């Protein structure tokens, strides 16, 4: 859902990418900005992505995620009995799905 939504928003459009740091796996952590709008913030605010969280440190978009949850947007729009699984819990149960998308 997140990948498809982001592709639909930015594919073939002019964006700026601001690399900020590397994570524990050496991957670049960056912001994608289109027309002055942070696309990660937009994705989280609309319930299409989770705010990042590392150990006990809340990510930059936790407030947006909270609003999306309360407003029942995107992945938080499901009925109470079908609440989404937090990514870290999913990976612990099923392993990483990242390799499926690397081509």
N, C-alpha and C. Protein backbone atom coordinates (compact mmCIF):
# COMPACT_ATOMS: atom_id res chain seq x y z
N UNK A 1 0.82 -1.19 0.00
CA UNK A 1 0.00 0.00 0.00
C UNK A 1 0.87 1.26 0.00
N UNK A 2 1.85 1.33 0.90
CA UNK A 2 2.70 2.52 0.98
C UNK A 2 3.51 2.72 -0.30
N UNK A 3 4.11 1.66 -0.77
CA UNK A 3 4.93 1.76 -1.98
C UNK A 3 4.11 2.23 -3.17
N UNK A 4 2.94 1.63 -3.36
CA UNK A 4 2.09 1.98 -4.49
C UNK A 4 1.59 3.42 -4.39
N UNK A 5 1.23 3.84 -3.20
CA UNK A 5 0.75 5.21 -3.00
C UNK A 5 1.86 6.21 -3.29
N UNK A 6 3.06 5.96 -2.78
CA UNK A 6 4.16 6.87 -3.02
C UNK A 6 4.51 6.92 -4.51
N UNK A 7 4.54 5.78 -5.16
CA UNK A 7 4.82 5.76 -6.60
C UNK A 7 3.79 6.58 -7.37
N UNK A 8 2.54 6.42 -7.03
CA UNK A 8 1.48 7.15 -7.72
C UNK A 8 1.64 8.66 -7.51
N UNK A 9 2.09 9.07 -6.35
CA UNK A 9 2.25 10.50 -6.05
C UNK A 9 3.45 11.13 -6.74
N UNK A 10 4.58 10.40 -6.82
CA UNK A 10 5.81 11.07 -7.26
C UNK A 10 6.41 10.56 -8.57
N UNK A 11 5.93 9.45 -9.10
CA UNK A 11 6.52 8.89 -10.31
C UNK A 11 6.44 9.90 -11.46
N UNK A 12 7.58 10.12 -12.12
CA UNK A 12 7.70 11.04 -13.25
C UNK A 12 7.48 12.50 -12.87
N UNK A 13 7.65 12.82 -11.60
CA UNK A 13 7.53 14.20 -11.14
C UNK A 13 8.86 14.65 -10.56
N UNK A 14 9.08 15.94 -10.53
CA UNK A 14 10.33 16.48 -10.01
C UNK A 14 10.28 16.49 -8.48
N UNK A 15 11.26 15.84 -7.88
CA UNK A 15 11.36 15.79 -6.42
C UNK A 15 12.79 16.15 -6.01
N UNK A 16 12.93 16.52 -4.76
CA UNK A 16 14.26 16.72 -4.17
C UNK A 16 14.43 15.67 -3.09
N UNK A 17 15.62 15.10 -3.02
CA UNK A 17 15.90 14.09 -2.01
C UNK A 17 17.02 14.61 -1.12
N UNK A 18 16.75 14.63 0.18
CA UNK A 18 17.71 15.14 1.15
C UNK A 18 18.17 13.98 2.03
N UNK A 19 19.37 13.48 1.76
CA UNK A 19 19.95 12.43 2.57
C UNK A 19 20.43 13.01 3.88
N UNK A 20 20.02 12.39 4.97
CA UNK A 20 20.32 12.94 6.28
C UNK A 20 21.29 12.10 7.09
N UNK A 21 21.21 10.81 6.96
CA UNK A 21 22.05 9.93 7.77
C UNK A 21 21.93 8.51 7.21
N UNK A 22 22.68 7.62 7.78
CA UNK A 22 22.57 6.20 7.44
C UNK A 22 22.07 5.45 8.67
N UNK A 23 21.25 4.44 8.43
CA UNK A 23 20.74 3.65 9.55
C UNK A 23 21.76 2.58 9.95
N UNK A 24 21.38 1.74 10.88
CA UNK A 24 22.28 0.70 11.39
C UNK A 24 22.69 -0.30 10.33
N UNK A 25 21.95 -0.37 9.22
CA UNK A 25 22.24 -1.30 8.14
C UNK A 25 22.97 -0.63 6.98
N UNK A 26 23.32 0.65 7.15
CA UNK A 26 24.04 1.38 6.12
C UNK A 26 23.17 2.00 5.05
N UNK A 27 21.84 1.92 5.21
CA UNK A 27 20.93 2.49 4.23
C UNK A 27 20.78 3.99 4.46
N UNK A 28 20.69 4.75 3.38
CA UNK A 28 20.52 6.19 3.48
C UNK A 28 19.11 6.50 3.98
N UNK A 29 19.04 7.33 5.00
CA UNK A 29 17.76 7.82 5.50
C UNK A 29 17.59 9.20 4.89
N UNK A 30 16.54 9.38 4.11
CA UNK A 30 16.38 10.63 3.36
C UNK A 30 14.93 11.09 3.37
N UNK A 31 14.76 12.36 3.08
CA UNK A 31 13.43 12.95 2.91
C UNK A 31 13.20 13.19 1.42
N UNK A 32 12.00 12.90 0.96
CA UNK A 32 11.60 13.20 -0.42
C UNK A 32 10.67 14.40 -0.34
N UNK A 33 11.02 15.46 -1.04
CA UNK A 33 10.21 16.67 -1.02
C UNK A 33 9.74 16.98 -2.43
N UNK A 34 8.45 17.20 -2.56
CA UNK A 34 7.86 17.56 -3.85
C UNK A 34 7.00 18.80 -3.64
N UNK A 35 7.30 19.85 -4.41
CA UNK A 35 6.57 21.12 -4.29
C UNK A 35 6.55 21.62 -2.85
N UNK A 36 7.69 21.46 -2.16
CA UNK A 36 7.82 21.95 -0.79
C UNK A 36 7.20 21.08 0.28
N UNK A 37 6.61 19.95 -0.10
CA UNK A 37 5.94 19.08 0.86
C UNK A 37 6.74 17.80 1.10
N UNK A 38 7.01 17.51 2.36
CA UNK A 38 7.71 16.29 2.76
C UNK A 38 6.76 15.12 2.53
N UNK A 39 7.13 14.24 1.60
CA UNK A 39 6.25 13.14 1.22
C UNK A 39 6.13 12.08 2.31
N UNK A 40 7.17 11.89 3.10
CA UNK A 40 7.08 10.96 4.23
C UNK A 40 6.06 11.44 5.25
N UNK A 41 6.10 12.73 5.54
CA UNK A 41 5.12 13.31 6.48
C UNK A 41 3.71 13.14 5.93
N UNK A 42 3.52 13.39 4.62
CA UNK A 42 2.21 13.24 4.00
C UNK A 42 1.73 11.79 4.09
N UNK A 43 2.64 10.84 3.80
CA UNK A 43 2.28 9.42 3.84
C UNK A 43 1.80 9.02 5.23
N UNK A 44 2.53 9.43 6.26
CA UNK A 44 2.15 9.08 7.63
C UNK A 44 0.86 9.79 8.02
N UNK A 45 0.75 11.07 7.72
CA UNK A 45 -0.43 11.85 8.10
C UNK A 45 -1.72 11.31 7.49
N UNK A 46 -1.60 10.66 6.35
CA UNK A 46 -2.78 10.11 5.68
C UNK A 46 -2.96 8.61 5.91
N UNK A 47 -2.14 8.04 6.78
CA UNK A 47 -2.30 6.64 7.15
C UNK A 47 -1.78 5.65 6.13
N UNK A 48 -0.88 6.09 5.24
CA UNK A 48 -0.32 5.18 4.24
C UNK A 48 1.01 4.58 4.67
N UNK A 49 1.57 5.07 5.76
CA UNK A 49 2.85 4.56 6.25
C UNK A 49 2.92 4.77 7.76
N UNK A 50 3.78 4.00 8.40
CA UNK A 50 4.03 4.14 9.83
C UNK A 50 5.13 5.18 10.05
N UNK A 51 5.04 5.89 11.16
CA UNK A 51 6.13 6.77 11.57
C UNK A 51 7.29 5.89 12.02
N UNK A 52 8.50 6.30 11.70
CA UNK A 52 9.64 5.48 12.12
C UNK A 52 9.82 5.57 13.63
N UNK A 53 10.36 4.51 14.16
CA UNK A 53 10.60 4.44 15.60
C UNK A 53 11.81 3.53 15.76
N UNK A 54 12.77 3.96 16.55
CA UNK A 54 13.95 3.13 16.78
C UNK A 54 14.13 2.98 18.27
N UNK A 55 14.00 1.74 18.71
CA UNK A 55 14.04 1.42 20.14
C UNK A 55 13.01 2.28 20.86
N UNK A 56 13.41 3.12 21.79
CA UNK A 56 12.44 3.94 22.52
C UNK A 56 12.37 5.37 21.99
N UNK A 57 12.98 5.63 20.85
CA UNK A 57 12.98 6.98 20.28
C UNK A 57 11.86 7.13 19.27
N UNK A 58 10.98 8.06 19.55
CA UNK A 58 9.87 8.33 18.62
C UNK A 58 10.42 9.02 17.39
N UNK A 59 9.87 8.68 16.24
CA UNK A 59 10.29 9.30 14.99
C UNK A 59 9.70 10.70 14.84
N UNK A 60 10.13 11.36 13.80
CA UNK A 60 9.72 12.75 13.56
C UNK A 60 8.24 12.90 13.26
N UNK A 61 7.57 11.84 12.82
CA UNK A 61 6.19 11.95 12.38
C UNK A 61 5.19 11.27 13.33
N UNK A 62 5.55 11.07 14.57
CA UNK A 62 4.66 10.38 15.51
C UNK A 62 3.36 11.14 15.74
N UNK A 63 3.41 12.45 15.77
CA UNK A 63 2.18 13.24 15.95
C UNK A 63 1.24 13.01 14.76
N UNK A 64 1.79 13.01 13.55
CA UNK A 64 0.98 12.76 12.36
C UNK A 64 0.36 11.36 12.40
N UNK A 65 1.13 10.38 12.88
CA UNK A 65 0.59 9.03 12.97
C UNK A 65 -0.55 8.98 13.98
N UNK A 66 -0.37 9.64 15.10
CA UNK A 66 -1.43 9.64 16.13
C UNK A 66 -2.73 10.22 15.55
N UNK A 67 -2.61 11.33 14.82
CA UNK A 67 -3.79 11.95 14.22
C UNK A 67 -4.43 11.01 13.20
N UNK A 68 -3.61 10.33 12.39
CA UNK A 68 -4.14 9.37 11.41
C UNK A 68 -4.86 8.22 12.11
N UNK A 69 -4.30 7.76 13.23
CA UNK A 69 -4.94 6.67 13.98
C UNK A 69 -6.29 7.12 14.55
N UNK A 70 -6.31 8.27 15.20
CA UNK A 70 -7.53 8.79 15.79
C UNK A 70 -8.59 9.06 14.72
N UNK A 71 -8.13 9.55 13.57
CA UNK A 71 -9.04 9.86 12.45
C UNK A 71 -9.39 8.64 11.61
N UNK A 72 -8.76 7.51 11.93
CA UNK A 72 -8.99 6.24 11.23
C UNK A 72 -8.74 6.36 9.72
N UNK A 73 -7.57 6.90 9.39
CA UNK A 73 -7.19 7.08 7.99
C UNK A 73 -6.32 5.92 7.52
N UNK A 74 -6.40 5.60 6.23
CA UNK A 74 -5.51 4.61 5.61
C UNK A 74 -5.50 3.28 6.34
N UNK A 75 -4.33 2.83 6.72
CA UNK A 75 -4.21 1.52 7.36
C UNK A 75 -4.88 1.47 8.72
N UNK A 76 -5.21 2.61 9.29
CA UNK A 76 -5.90 2.65 10.58
C UNK A 76 -7.42 2.70 10.42
N UNK A 77 -7.93 2.57 9.20
CA UNK A 77 -9.36 2.67 8.95
C UNK A 77 -10.09 1.35 9.16
N UNK A 78 -9.34 0.29 9.40
CA UNK A 78 -9.96 -1.03 9.57
C UNK A 78 -10.75 -1.11 10.86
N UNK A 79 -11.65 -2.07 10.93
CA UNK A 79 -12.44 -2.30 12.13
C UNK A 79 -11.52 -2.67 13.29
N UNK A 80 -11.97 -2.45 14.52
CA UNK A 80 -11.15 -2.72 15.70
C UNK A 80 -10.60 -4.14 15.76
N UNK A 81 -11.37 -5.11 15.27
CA UNK A 81 -10.90 -6.50 15.33
C UNK A 81 -9.81 -6.79 14.30
N UNK A 82 -9.57 -5.86 13.38
CA UNK A 82 -8.56 -6.07 12.34
C UNK A 82 -7.51 -4.96 12.37
N UNK A 83 -7.11 -4.53 13.56
CA UNK A 83 -6.12 -3.45 13.67
C UNK A 83 -4.82 -3.88 13.01
N UNK A 84 -4.11 -2.93 12.40
CA UNK A 84 -2.85 -3.27 11.72
C UNK A 84 -1.78 -3.71 12.72
N UNK A 85 -0.87 -4.53 12.23
CA UNK A 85 0.23 -5.02 13.05
C UNK A 85 1.41 -4.09 12.89
N UNK A 86 1.97 -3.63 14.00
CA UNK A 86 3.14 -2.76 13.96
C UNK A 86 4.27 -3.48 13.24
N UNK A 87 5.01 -2.80 12.35
CA UNK A 87 6.02 -3.46 11.52
C UNK A 87 7.04 -4.32 12.28
N UNK A 88 7.53 -3.86 13.41
CA UNK A 88 8.52 -4.65 14.16
C UNK A 88 7.94 -5.96 14.64
N UNK A 89 6.68 -5.96 15.03
CA UNK A 89 6.02 -7.19 15.49
C UNK A 89 5.81 -8.14 14.30
N UNK A 90 5.44 -7.59 13.15
CA UNK A 90 5.27 -8.41 11.95
C UNK A 90 6.59 -9.07 11.55
N UNK A 91 7.67 -8.27 11.54
CA UNK A 91 8.98 -8.82 11.15
C UNK A 91 9.46 -9.89 12.12
N UNK A 92 9.16 -9.70 13.40
CA UNK A 92 9.56 -10.70 14.40
C UNK A 92 8.84 -12.03 14.14
N UNK A 93 7.60 -11.95 13.72
CA UNK A 93 6.81 -13.16 13.47
C UNK A 93 7.07 -13.77 12.11
N UNK A 94 7.35 -12.94 11.08
CA UNK A 94 7.42 -13.44 9.71
C UNK A 94 8.76 -13.21 9.01
N UNK A 95 9.67 -12.49 9.62
CA UNK A 95 10.93 -12.17 8.97
C UNK A 95 10.79 -10.95 8.09
N UNK A 96 11.90 -10.48 7.55
CA UNK A 96 11.91 -9.29 6.71
C UNK A 96 11.33 -9.60 5.34
N UNK A 97 10.54 -8.67 4.82
CA UNK A 97 9.98 -8.81 3.48
C UNK A 97 10.76 -7.96 2.48
N UNK A 98 11.79 -7.27 2.94
CA UNK A 98 12.52 -6.32 2.10
C UNK A 98 13.07 -6.97 0.85
N UNK A 99 13.59 -8.17 0.95
CA UNK A 99 14.23 -8.81 -0.20
C UNK A 99 13.25 -9.05 -1.35
N UNK A 100 11.95 -9.06 -1.08
CA UNK A 100 10.98 -9.24 -2.15
C UNK A 100 10.96 -8.09 -3.12
N UNK A 101 11.35 -6.88 -2.65
CA UNK A 101 11.24 -5.69 -3.47
C UNK A 101 12.55 -5.25 -4.07
N UNK A 102 13.64 -5.86 -3.71
CA UNK A 102 14.94 -5.49 -4.25
C UNK A 102 15.13 -6.25 -5.56
N UNK A 103 15.37 -5.51 -6.62
CA UNK A 103 15.53 -6.16 -7.92
C UNK A 103 16.82 -5.73 -8.56
